[in-house]
């Protein structure tokens, strides 16, 4: 299982939000420094989110993302405000390995098919964020009536093979991952699921690994020293 340390960027700083709330922000300094720290601690992949773009649709932290991709020495996937093929191309041209489409998966699903054709399935990730059992969009500020596994099936049919599945109610809360929902998404959709939201300790990593999840995103637990990345990577990679 691949672990993805998260680097969320807001106004040029590395931050964590609680429950996706832009008014509940904890700052953790320079995003590039955070990237280098996680690489030094054994990260094999990074997950970088432009929170400004997630809200506005404009990539306001692209130069920082480009710098992270340049110095990390490991693959980077990035999301937040990727709503057109041009947006995706700009991120990929900045040196990232994969681009995460979020809102458009729900609002313009045909774009995912076009993205897979244009960039290849290995470079496209669907961001499926869930709030109160339904898909949330536009930086988690809006909520649809679509069930997550229904959207996942559409994404798979359009050629997508990877999805970040986030339970917004868990994100940044350190209350434990919604493992059953992640497992259900994988089984019902056929997608390789990257679990996100609520991971608080090694037990969560073990649970997801035993459920054969493709990956997991580590956020606040890392920044608050609730979990050692070295130990987490070792657990995730154990045979």
C-alpha atoms as a PDB file:
ATOM      1  CA  UNK A   1       0.000   0.000   0.000  1.00  0.00           C
ATOM      2  CA  UNK A   2       1.333   3.431  -0.945  1.00  0.00           C
ATOM      3  CA  UNK A   3       1.280   6.181   1.673  1.00  0.00           C
ATOM      4  CA  UNK A   4       0.863   9.765   0.487  1.00  0.00           C
ATOM      5  CA  UNK A   5       1.891  12.489   2.960  1.00  0.00           C
ATOM      6  CA  UNK A   6      -0.433  15.426   2.305  1.00  0.00           C
ATOM      7  CA  UNK A   7       0.759  18.969   1.688  1.00  0.00           C
ATOM      8  CA  UNK A   8      -2.230  21.299   1.595  1.00  0.00           C
ATOM      9  CA  UNK A   9      -1.364  24.819   0.433  1.00  0.00           C
ATOM     10  CA  UNK A  10      -3.408  27.894   1.380  1.00  0.00           C
ATOM     11  CA  UNK A  11      -2.105  31.394   0.652  1.00  0.00           C
ATOM     12  CA  UNK A  12       1.364  29.972   0.110  1.00  0.00           C
ATOM     13  CA  UNK A  13       1.534  28.134   3.426  1.00  0.00           C
ATOM     14  CA  UNK A  14       1.317  24.472   4.405  1.00  0.00           C
ATOM     15  CA  UNK A  15      -1.895  24.059   6.400  1.00  0.00           C
ATOM     16  CA  UNK A  16      -4.456  21.571   7.640  1.00  0.00           C
ATOM     17  CA  UNK A  17      -8.196  22.237   7.736  1.00  0.00           C
ATOM     18  CA  UNK A  18     -10.604  20.528  10.111  1.00  0.00           C
ATOM     19  CA  UNK A  19     -13.615  18.974   8.338  1.00  0.00           C
ATOM     20  CA  UNK A  20     -12.657  21.002   5.259  1.00  0.00           C
ATOM     21  CA  UNK A  21     -13.525  24.241   7.062  1.00  0.00           C
ATOM     22  CA  UNK A  22     -11.548  27.166   5.640  1.00  0.00           C
ATOM     23  CA  UNK A  23     -12.078  29.111   8.847  1.00  0.00           C
ATOM     24  CA  UNK A  24     -10.509  26.351  10.962  1.00  0.00           C
ATOM     25  CA  UNK A  25      -6.904  26.459   9.746  1.00  0.00           C
ATOM     26  CA  UNK A  26      -3.719  25.253  11.398  1.00  0.00           C
ATOM     27  CA  UNK A  27      -0.493  26.467   9.778  1.00  0.00           C
ATOM     28  CA  UNK A  28       2.640  24.329   9.439  1.00  0.00           C
ATOM     29  CA  UNK A  29       5.101  26.576   7.638  1.00  0.00           C
ATOM     30  CA  UNK A  30       6.691  26.313   4.228  1.00  0.00           C
ATOM     31  CA  UNK A  31       5.196  23.695   1.852  1.00  0.00           C
ATOM     32  CA  UNK A  32       8.526  22.927   0.171  1.00  0.00           C
ATOM     33  CA  UNK A  33      10.167  22.353   3.556  1.00  0.00           C
ATOM     34  CA  UNK A  34       7.328  19.990   4.464  1.00  0.00           C
ATOM     35  CA  UNK A  35       7.843  18.064   1.222  1.00  0.00           C
ATOM     36  CA  UNK A  36      11.552  17.651   1.881  1.00  0.00           C
ATOM     37  CA  UNK A  37      10.844  16.526   5.438  1.00  0.00           C
ATOM     38  CA  UNK A  38       8.467  13.775   4.338  1.00  0.00           C
ATOM     39  CA  UNK A  39      10.818  12.641   1.593  1.00  0.00           C
ATOM     40  CA  UNK A  40      13.590  12.443   4.179  1.00  0.00           C
ATOM     41  CA  UNK A  41      11.320  10.340   6.394  1.00  0.00           C
ATOM     42  CA  UNK A  42      10.699   7.734   3.722  1.00  0.00           C
ATOM     43  CA  UNK A  43       7.783   8.996   1.616  1.00  0.00           C
ATOM     44  CA  UNK A  44       7.492   7.337  -1.799  1.00  0.00           C
ATOM     45  CA  UNK A  45       4.761   9.645  -3.158  1.00  0.00           C
ATOM     46  CA  UNK A  46       3.381  13.077  -2.175  1.00  0.00           C
ATOM     47  CA  UNK A  47      -0.185  14.407  -2.301  1.00  0.00           C
ATOM     48  CA  UNK A  48      -0.284  18.183  -2.838  1.00  0.00           C
ATOM     49  CA  UNK A  49      -3.507  20.211  -2.778  1.00  0.00           C
ATOM     50  CA  UNK A  50      -4.004  23.833  -3.828  1.00  0.00           C
ATOM     51  CA  UNK A  51      -6.743  24.850  -1.397  1.00  0.00           C
ATOM     52  CA  UNK A  52      -7.033  28.323  -2.901  1.00  0.00           C
ATOM     53  CA  UNK A  53      -7.741  26.776  -6.303  1.00  0.00           C
ATOM     54  CA  UNK A  54     -10.207  24.291  -4.808  1.00  0.00           C
ATOM     55  CA  UNK A  55     -12.273  27.251  -3.688  1.00  0.00           C
ATOM     56  CA  UNK A  56     -11.726  29.722  -6.546  1.00  0.00           C
ATOM     57  CA  UNK A  57     -10.960  27.449  -9.504  1.00  0.00           C
ATOM     58  CA  UNK A  58      -7.769  29.427 -10.188  1.00  0.00           C
ATOM     59  CA  UNK A  59      -4.391  27.801  -9.591  1.00  0.00           C
ATOM     60  CA  UNK A  60      -2.849  30.289  -7.184  1.00  0.00           C
ATOM     61  CA  UNK A  61      -0.013  28.107  -5.868  1.00  0.00           C
ATOM     62  CA  UNK A  62       1.275  26.566  -9.095  1.00  0.00           C
ATOM     63  CA  UNK A  63       4.829  27.835  -8.658  1.00  0.00           C
ATOM     64  CA  UNK A  64       5.042  26.189  -5.235  1.00  0.00           C
ATOM     65  CA  UNK A  65       3.716  22.923  -6.665  1.00  0.00           C
ATOM     66  CA  UNK A  66       6.301  23.171  -9.450  1.00  0.00           C
ATOM     67  CA  UNK A  67       9.077  23.685  -6.892  1.00  0.00           C
ATOM     68  CA  UNK A  68       7.924  20.705  -4.829  1.00  0.00           C
ATOM     69  CA  UNK A  69       7.881  18.488  -7.920  1.00  0.00           C
ATOM     70  CA  UNK A  70      11.375  19.687  -8.835  1.00  0.00           C
ATOM     71  CA  UNK A  71      13.047  19.066  -5.472  1.00  0.00           C
ATOM     72  CA  UNK A  72      11.126  16.060  -4.115  1.00  0.00           C
ATOM     73  CA  UNK A  73      12.791  13.373  -6.199  1.00  0.00           C
ATOM     74  CA  UNK A  74       9.657  11.214  -5.864  1.00  0.00           C
ATOM     75  CA  UNK A  75       6.307  11.288  -7.719  1.00  0.00           C
ATOM     76  CA  UNK A  76       3.773  13.957  -6.823  1.00  0.00           C
ATOM     77  CA  UNK A  77       0.020  13.912  -7.341  1.00  0.00           C
ATOM     78  CA  UNK A  78      -1.831  17.178  -7.067  1.00  0.00           C
ATOM     79  CA  UNK A  79      -5.403  18.400  -6.929  1.00  0.00           C
ATOM     80  CA  UNK A  80      -7.482  21.387  -5.963  1.00  0.00           C
ATOM     81  CA  UNK A  81      -9.275  23.393  -8.626  1.00  0.00           C
ATOM     82  CA  UNK A  82      -8.416  21.111 -11.572  1.00  0.00           C
ATOM     83  CA  UNK A  83     -11.546  21.619 -13.671  1.00  0.00           C
ATOM     84  CA  UNK A  84     -10.363  21.670 -17.292  1.00  0.00           C
ATOM     85  CA  UNK A  85      -7.887  19.786 -19.472  1.00  0.00           C
ATOM     86  CA  UNK A  86      -5.799  22.972 -19.558  1.00  0.00           C
ATOM     87  CA  UNK A  87      -5.697  22.991 -15.753  1.00  0.00           C
ATOM     88  CA  UNK A  88      -4.466  19.409 -15.801  1.00  0.00           C
ATOM     89  CA  UNK A  89      -1.899  20.149 -18.495  1.00  0.00           C
ATOM     90  CA  UNK A  90      -0.548  23.058 -16.454  1.00  0.00           C
ATOM     91  CA  UNK A  91      -0.033  20.804 -13.423  1.00  0.00           C
ATOM     92  CA  UNK A  92       1.513  17.996 -15.472  1.00  0.00           C
ATOM     93  CA  UNK A  93       3.806  20.475 -17.204  1.00  0.00           C
ATOM     94  CA  UNK A  94       4.876  21.607 -13.730  1.00  0.00           C
ATOM     95  CA  UNK A  95       6.382  18.170 -13.233  1.00  0.00           C
ATOM     96  CA  UNK A  96       3.758  16.255 -11.273  1.00  0.00           C
ATOM     97  CA  UNK A  97       3.018  12.585 -12.002  1.00  0.00           C
ATOM     98  CA  UNK A  98      -0.754  12.570 -11.501  1.00  0.00           C
ATOM     99  CA  UNK A  99      -3.553  15.111 -11.446  1.00  0.00           C
ATOM    100  CA  UNK A 100      -6.598  14.812  -9.211  1.00  0.00           C
ATOM    101  CA  UNK A 101      -9.898  15.970 -10.708  1.00  0.00           C
ATOM    102  CA  UNK A 102     -12.501  16.745  -8.066  1.00  0.00           C
ATOM    103  CA  UNK A 103     -15.606  18.835  -8.725  1.00  0.00           C
ATOM    104  CA  UNK A 104     -15.718  18.034 -12.457  1.00  0.00           C
ATOM    105  CA  UNK A 105     -16.070  14.307 -11.738  1.00  0.00           C
ATOM    106  CA  UNK A 106     -19.539  15.150 -10.491  1.00  0.00           C
ATOM    107  CA  UNK A 107     -20.413  18.199 -12.590  1.00  0.00           C
ATOM    108  CA  UNK A 108     -18.774  17.271 -15.939  1.00  0.00           C
ATOM    109  CA  UNK A 109     -18.027  13.519 -15.844  1.00  0.00           C
ATOM    110  CA  UNK A 110     -17.353  13.366 -19.588  1.00  0.00           C
ATOM    111  CA  UNK A 111     -14.216  15.427 -18.946  1.00  0.00           C
ATOM    112  CA  UNK A 112     -12.685  12.450 -17.142  1.00  0.00           C
ATOM    113  CA  UNK A 113     -13.025  10.290 -20.252  1.00  0.00           C
ATOM    114  CA  UNK A 114     -11.326  13.021 -22.279  1.00  0.00           C
ATOM    115  CA  UNK A 115      -8.569  13.357 -19.671  1.00  0.00           C
ATOM    116  CA  UNK A 116      -7.870   9.621 -19.749  1.00  0.00           C
ATOM    117  CA  UNK A 117      -7.646   9.743 -23.548  1.00  0.00           C
ATOM    118  CA  UNK A 118      -5.401  12.821 -23.445  1.00  0.00           C
ATOM    119  CA  UNK A 119      -3.059  11.949 -20.586  1.00  0.00           C
ATOM    120  CA  UNK A 120      -3.529   8.213 -19.926  1.00  0.00           C
ATOM    121  CA  UNK A 121      -5.228   6.449 -17.026  1.00  0.00           C
ATOM    122  CA  UNK A 122      -2.004   6.391 -14.983  1.00  0.00           C
ATOM    123  CA  UNK A 123      -1.960  10.186 -14.783  1.00  0.00           C
ATOM    124  CA  UNK A 124      -5.612  10.769 -13.882  1.00  0.00           C
ATOM    125  CA  UNK A 125      -7.093  10.491 -10.386  1.00  0.00           C
ATOM    126  CA  UNK A 126     -10.708  11.132  -9.427  1.00  0.00           C
ATOM    127  CA  UNK A 127     -11.326  12.960  -6.173  1.00  0.00           C
ATOM    128  CA  UNK A 128     -14.551  11.645  -4.629  1.00  0.00           C
ATOM    129  CA  UNK A 129     -15.328  13.582  -1.461  1.00  0.00           C
ATOM    130  CA  UNK A 130     -18.235  12.567   0.733  1.00  0.00           C
ATOM    131  CA  UNK A 131     -20.218  14.611   3.226  1.00  0.00           C
ATOM    132  CA  UNK A 132     -23.260  13.139   4.978  1.00  0.00           C
ATOM    133  CA  UNK A 133     -23.210  10.190   2.592  1.00  0.00           C
ATOM    134  CA  UNK A 134     -23.315  12.271  -0.586  1.00  0.00           C
ATOM    135  CA  UNK A 135     -20.652  13.667  -2.914  1.00  0.00           C
ATOM    136  CA  UNK A 136     -19.355  17.130  -1.939  1.00  0.00           C
ATOM    137  CA  UNK A 137     -17.881  19.556  -4.483  1.00  0.00           C
ATOM    138  CA  UNK A 138     -16.111  22.916  -4.862  1.00  0.00           C
ATOM    139  CA  UNK A 139     -13.710  22.608  -1.977  1.00  0.00           C
ATOM    140  CA  UNK A 140     -16.348  20.704   0.026  1.00  0.00           C
ATOM    141  CA  UNK A 141     -18.486  23.839   0.176  1.00  0.00           C
ATOM    142  CA  UNK A 142     -21.340  22.379  -1.928  1.00  0.00           C
ATOM    143  CA  UNK A 143     -23.148  19.074  -1.581  1.00  0.00           C
ATOM    144  CA  UNK A 144     -24.829  16.999  -4.296  1.00  0.00           C
ATOM    145  CA  UNK A 145     -27.405  14.207  -4.054  1.00  0.00           C
ATOM    146  CA  UNK A 146     -25.079  11.690  -5.724  1.00  0.00           C
ATOM    147  CA  UNK A 147     -23.974   8.562  -3.876  1.00  0.00           C
ATOM    148  CA  UNK A 148     -20.174   8.111  -3.960  1.00  0.00           C
ATOM    149  CA  UNK A 149     -20.164   4.572  -5.333  1.00  0.00           C
ATOM    150  CA  UNK A 150     -22.522   5.604  -8.150  1.00  0.00           C
ATOM    151  CA  UNK A 151     -20.091   8.342  -9.164  1.00  0.00           C
ATOM    152  CA  UNK A 152     -17.208   5.887  -8.843  1.00  0.00           C
ATOM    153  CA  UNK A 153     -18.863   3.482 -11.265  1.00  0.00           C
ATOM    154  CA  UNK A 154     -19.282   6.281 -13.813  1.00  0.00           C
ATOM    155  CA  UNK A 155     -15.613   7.239 -13.420  1.00  0.00           C
ATOM    156  CA  UNK A 156     -14.514   3.632 -13.969  1.00  0.00           C
ATOM    157  CA  UNK A 157     -16.714   3.398 -17.064  1.00  0.00           C
ATOM    158  CA  UNK A 158     -15.012   6.544 -18.389  1.00  0.00           C
ATOM    159  CA  UNK A 159     -11.594   4.908 -18.053  1.00  0.00           C
ATOM    160  CA  UNK A 160     -10.442   6.150 -14.655  1.00  0.00           C
ATOM    161  CA  UNK A 161      -8.599   3.641 -12.485  1.00  0.00           C
ATOM    162  CA  UNK A 162      -7.640   5.684  -9.413  1.00  0.00           C
ATOM    163  CA  UNK A 163      -9.681   7.653  -6.895  1.00  0.00           C
ATOM    164  CA  UNK A 164      -8.983   9.565  -3.704  1.00  0.00           C
ATOM    165  CA  UNK A 165     -11.939   8.828  -1.443  1.00  0.00           C
ATOM    166  CA  UNK A 166     -12.340  11.359   1.375  1.00  0.00           C
ATOM    167  CA  UNK A 167     -14.840  11.279   4.211  1.00  0.00           C
ATOM    168  CA  UNK A 168     -15.051  15.020   4.946  1.00  0.00           C
ATOM    169  CA  UNK A 169     -16.496  14.393   8.407  1.00  0.00           C
ATOM    170  CA  UNK A 170     -13.270  12.583   9.303  1.00  0.00           C
ATOM    171  CA  UNK A 171     -10.777  14.892   7.627  1.00  0.00           C
ATOM    172  CA  UNK A 172      -8.417  16.615  10.044  1.00  0.00           C
ATOM    173  CA  UNK A 173     -10.277  15.229  13.049  1.00  0.00           C
ATOM    174  CA  UNK A 174      -7.903  12.381  14.000  1.00  0.00           C
ATOM    175  CA  UNK A 175     -10.897  10.182  14.795  1.00  0.00           C
ATOM    176  CA  UNK A 176      -9.985   7.171  12.662  1.00  0.00           C
ATOM    177  CA  UNK A 177     -10.482   6.380   8.997  1.00  0.00           C
ATOM    178  CA  UNK A 178     -13.844   5.271   7.581  1.00  0.00           C
ATOM    179  CA  UNK A 179     -12.352   1.946   6.493  1.00  0.00           C
ATOM    180  CA  UNK A 180     -15.629   0.192   5.716  1.00  0.00           C
ATOM    181  CA  UNK A 181     -16.673   2.957   3.330  1.00  0.00           C
ATOM    182  CA  UNK A 182     -13.272   2.793   1.603  1.00  0.00           C
ATOM    183  CA  UNK A 183     -13.580  -0.969   1.210  1.00  0.00           C
ATOM    184  CA  UNK A 184     -17.113  -0.601  -0.147  1.00  0.00           C
ATOM    185  CA  UNK A 185     -15.940   1.943  -2.705  1.00  0.00           C
ATOM    186  CA  UNK A 186     -13.196  -0.384  -3.925  1.00  0.00           C
ATOM    187  CA  UNK A 187     -15.511  -3.400  -4.171  1.00  0.00           C
ATOM    188  CA  UNK A 188     -18.434  -1.572  -5.805  1.00  0.00           C
ATOM    189  CA  UNK A 189     -16.512   0.548  -8.312  1.00  0.00           C
ATOM    190  CA  UNK A 190     -13.407  -1.413  -9.338  1.00  0.00           C
ATOM    191  CA  UNK A 191     -11.283   1.695  -8.712  1.00  0.00           C
ATOM    192  CA  UNK A 192      -7.938   1.668  -6.912  1.00  0.00           C
ATOM    193  CA  UNK A 193      -8.908   3.594  -3.796  1.00  0.00           C
ATOM    194  CA  UNK A 194      -6.631   6.013  -1.972  1.00  0.00           C
ATOM    195  CA  UNK A 195      -8.211   6.408   1.467  1.00  0.00           C
ATOM    196  CA  UNK A 196      -8.284   9.903   2.930  1.00  0.00           C
ATOM    197  CA  UNK A 197      -9.622  11.490   6.091  1.00  0.00           C
ATOM    198  CA  UNK A 198      -9.249  10.668   9.769  1.00  0.00           C
ATOM    199  CA  UNK A 199      -6.172   8.426   9.752  1.00  0.00           C
ATOM    200  CA  UNK A 200      -4.829   8.796  13.277  1.00  0.00           C
ATOM    201  CA  UNK A 201      -2.422   5.933  13.928  1.00  0.00           C
ATOM    202  CA  UNK A 202      -0.683   2.770  12.808  1.00  0.00           C
ATOM    203  CA  UNK A 203      -3.849   0.753  13.490  1.00  0.00           C
ATOM    204  CA  UNK A 204      -5.621   2.639  10.690  1.00  0.00           C
ATOM    205  CA  UNK A 205      -2.739   1.867   8.328  1.00  0.00           C
ATOM    206  CA  UNK A 206      -2.882  -1.830   9.215  1.00  0.00           C
ATOM    207  CA  UNK A 207      -6.652  -1.950   8.736  1.00  0.00           C
ATOM    208  CA  UNK A 208      -6.489  -0.353   5.289  1.00  0.00           C
ATOM    209  CA  UNK A 209      -3.584  -2.558   4.248  1.00  0.00           C
ATOM    210  CA  UNK A 210      -5.475  -5.688   5.329  1.00  0.00           C
ATOM    211  CA  UNK A 211      -8.423  -4.476   3.258  1.00  0.00           C
ATOM    212  CA  UNK A 212      -6.020  -4.276   0.296  1.00  0.00           C
ATOM    213  CA  UNK A 213      -6.465  -0.561  -0.284  1.00  0.00           C
ATOM    214  CA  UNK A 214      -4.240   0.831  -3.008  1.00  0.00           C
ATOM    215  CA  UNK A 215      -3.129   3.795  -0.908  1.00  0.00           C
ATOM    216  CA  UNK A 216      -3.777   6.144   1.993  1.00  0.00           C
ATOM    217  CA  UNK A 217      -3.228   9.855   2.549  1.00  0.00           C
ATOM    218  CA  UNK A 218      -1.654  10.960   5.816  1.00  0.00           C
ATOM    219  CA  UNK A 219      -2.364  14.485   7.000  1.00  0.00           C
ATOM    220  CA  UNK A 220      -2.842  15.901  10.440  1.00  0.00           C
ATOM    221  CA  UNK A 221      -1.578  12.775  12.206  1.00  0.00           C
ATOM    222  CA  UNK A 222       1.833  13.433  10.659  1.00  0.00           C
ATOM    223  CA  UNK A 223       1.877  17.140  11.368  1.00  0.00           C
ATOM    224  CA  UNK A 224       0.798  16.652  14.982  1.00  0.00           C
ATOM    225  CA  UNK A 225       3.336  13.841  15.498  1.00  0.00           C
ATOM    226  CA  UNK A 226       0.614  11.280  16.192  1.00  0.00           C
ATOM    227  CA  UNK A 227       2.228   8.895  13.755  1.00  0.00           C
ATOM    228  CA  UNK A 228       5.791   8.261  12.562  1.00  0.00           C
ATOM    229  CA  UNK A 229       6.046   8.244   8.782  1.00  0.00           C
ATOM    230  CA  UNK A 230       8.930   5.773   8.925  1.00  0.00           C
ATOM    231  CA  UNK A 231       6.853   3.335  10.991  1.00  0.00           C
ATOM    232  CA  UNK A 232       3.775   3.919   8.846  1.00  0.00           C
ATOM    233  CA  UNK A 233       5.701   3.183   5.625  1.00  0.00           C
ATOM    234  CA  UNK A 234       7.166   0.050   7.154  1.00  0.00           C
ATOM    235  CA  UNK A 235       3.672  -1.128   8.144  1.00  0.00           C
ATOM    236  CA  UNK A 236       2.228  -0.330   4.719  1.00  0.00           C
ATOM    237  CA  UNK A 237       4.990  -2.191   2.886  1.00  0.00           C
ATOM    238  CA  UNK A 238       5.130  -5.303   5.063  1.00  0.00           C
ATOM    239  CA  UNK A 239       4.435  -8.509   3.160  1.00  0.00           C
END
